[in-house]
Amino acid sequence: MKTTIALITLALTFSLLGCNTVKGVGQDLQKAGEKIEGAAKK
């Protein structure tokens, strides 16, 4: 579980570094939230 959280955090960090606009940040956070929600439902 700790490894999964660390990987998600790392992926979020890189995706936030890769986007240049506030809109891009919002989209990245939305996608991350959907993935976390999907993992929680399993």
N, C-alpha and C. Protein backbone atom coordinates (compact mmCIF):
# COMPACT_ATOMS: atom_id res chain seq x y z
N MET A 1 0.83 -1.19 0.00
CA MET A 1 0.00 0.00 0.00
C MET A 1 0.87 1.26 0.00
N LYS A 2 1.92 1.27 0.81
CA LYS A 2 2.81 2.43 0.85
C LYS A 2 3.50 2.64 -0.48
N THR A 3 3.85 1.54 -1.13
CA THR A 3 4.50 1.62 -2.43
C THR A 3 3.55 2.23 -3.46
N THR A 4 2.29 1.83 -3.42
CA THR A 4 1.30 2.36 -4.35
C THR A 4 1.13 3.86 -4.16
N ILE A 5 1.03 4.29 -2.93
CA ILE A 5 0.87 5.71 -2.63
C ILE A 5 2.10 6.49 -3.09
N ALA A 6 3.28 5.93 -2.87
CA ALA A 6 4.51 6.58 -3.31
C ALA A 6 4.55 6.71 -4.83
N LEU A 7 4.14 5.67 -5.54
CA LEU A 7 4.14 5.72 -7.00
C LEU A 7 3.12 6.73 -7.52
N ILE A 8 1.96 6.78 -6.90
CA ILE A 8 0.94 7.76 -7.30
C ILE A 8 1.45 9.17 -7.07
N THR A 9 2.08 9.39 -5.92
CA THR A 9 2.63 10.71 -5.61
C THR A 9 3.70 11.10 -6.62
N LEU A 10 4.56 10.17 -6.95
CA LEU A 10 5.62 10.43 -7.92
C LEU A 10 5.03 10.75 -9.29
N ALA A 11 4.04 9.99 -9.70
CA ALA A 11 3.40 10.22 -11.00
C ALA A 11 2.72 11.59 -11.03
N LEU A 12 2.06 11.95 -9.94
CA LEU A 12 1.42 13.27 -9.87
C LEU A 12 2.45 14.38 -9.96
N THR A 13 3.55 14.20 -9.28
CA THR A 13 4.61 15.22 -9.31
C THR A 13 5.10 15.44 -10.73
N PHE A 14 5.39 14.36 -11.44
CA PHE A 14 5.87 14.50 -12.81
C PHE A 14 4.80 15.06 -13.74
N SER A 15 3.55 14.68 -13.54
CA SER A 15 2.49 15.20 -14.40
C SER A 15 2.26 16.68 -14.13
N LEU A 16 2.38 17.11 -12.88
CA LEU A 16 2.23 18.53 -12.57
C LEU A 16 3.39 19.34 -13.14
N LEU A 17 4.57 18.77 -13.14
CA LEU A 17 5.73 19.46 -13.72
C LEU A 17 5.59 19.59 -15.23
N GLY A 18 4.87 18.65 -15.83
CA GLY A 18 4.73 18.64 -17.27
C GLY A 18 3.67 19.57 -17.82
N CYS A 19 2.77 20.05 -17.02
CA CYS A 19 1.71 20.90 -17.54
C CYS A 19 2.05 22.37 -17.27
N ASN A 20 1.64 23.22 -18.17
CA ASN A 20 2.04 24.62 -18.11
C ASN A 20 0.91 25.57 -17.71
N THR A 21 -0.32 25.09 -17.66
CA THR A 21 -1.43 25.99 -17.39
C THR A 21 -2.23 25.50 -16.20
N VAL A 22 -3.01 26.38 -15.65
CA VAL A 22 -3.90 26.02 -14.54
C VAL A 22 -4.93 25.00 -15.01
N LYS A 23 -5.39 25.14 -16.23
CA LYS A 23 -6.33 24.18 -16.79
C LYS A 23 -5.71 22.79 -16.85
N GLY A 24 -4.45 22.74 -17.24
CA GLY A 24 -3.74 21.46 -17.31
C GLY A 24 -3.60 20.82 -15.94
N VAL A 25 -3.32 21.63 -14.92
CA VAL A 25 -3.23 21.12 -13.55
C VAL A 25 -4.57 20.53 -13.13
N GLY A 26 -5.64 21.24 -13.43
CA GLY A 26 -6.99 20.75 -13.08
C GLY A 26 -7.30 19.42 -13.74
N GLN A 27 -6.94 19.30 -15.00
CA GLN A 27 -7.19 18.05 -15.72
C GLN A 27 -6.35 16.92 -15.14
N ASP A 28 -5.11 17.20 -14.82
CA ASP A 28 -4.24 16.18 -14.24
C ASP A 28 -4.79 15.71 -12.89
N LEU A 29 -5.22 16.65 -12.06
CA LEU A 29 -5.77 16.29 -10.75
C LEU A 29 -7.05 15.49 -10.90
N GLN A 30 -7.87 15.84 -11.89
CA GLN A 30 -9.10 15.10 -12.12
C GLN A 30 -8.80 13.65 -12.52
N LYS A 31 -7.85 13.47 -13.42
CA LYS A 31 -7.48 12.12 -13.85
C LYS A 31 -6.91 11.31 -12.69
N ALA A 32 -6.09 11.95 -11.87
CA ALA A 32 -5.52 11.26 -10.72
C ALA A 32 -6.62 10.86 -9.75
N GLY A 33 -7.57 11.75 -9.52
CA GLY A 33 -8.70 11.44 -8.64
C GLY A 33 -9.52 10.27 -9.14
N GLU A 34 -9.71 10.22 -10.45
CA GLU A 34 -10.47 9.11 -11.03
C GLU A 34 -9.73 7.79 -10.83
N LYS A 35 -8.41 7.81 -10.98
CA LYS A 35 -7.63 6.58 -10.79
C LYS A 35 -7.68 6.13 -9.34
N ILE A 36 -7.57 7.07 -8.43
CA ILE A 36 -7.62 6.73 -6.99
C ILE A 36 -9.00 6.19 -6.64
N GLU A 37 -10.03 6.82 -7.18
CA GLU A 37 -11.40 6.36 -6.93
C GLU A 37 -11.60 4.94 -7.46
N GLY A 38 -11.08 4.68 -8.65
CA GLY A 38 -11.18 3.34 -9.24
C GLY A 38 -10.45 2.31 -8.40
N ALA A 39 -9.29 2.68 -7.88
CA ALA A 39 -8.53 1.76 -7.03
C ALA A 39 -9.26 1.51 -5.72
N ALA A 40 -9.93 2.52 -5.21
CA ALA A 40 -10.64 2.37 -3.94
C ALA A 40 -11.86 1.45 -4.09
N LYS A 41 -12.44 1.44 -5.27
CA LYS A 41 -13.63 0.60 -5.49
C LYS A 41 -13.29 -0.88 -5.61
N LYS A 42 -12.01 -1.18 -5.92
CA LYS A 42 -11.61 -2.58 -6.09
C LYS A 42 -11.58 -3.30 -4.82
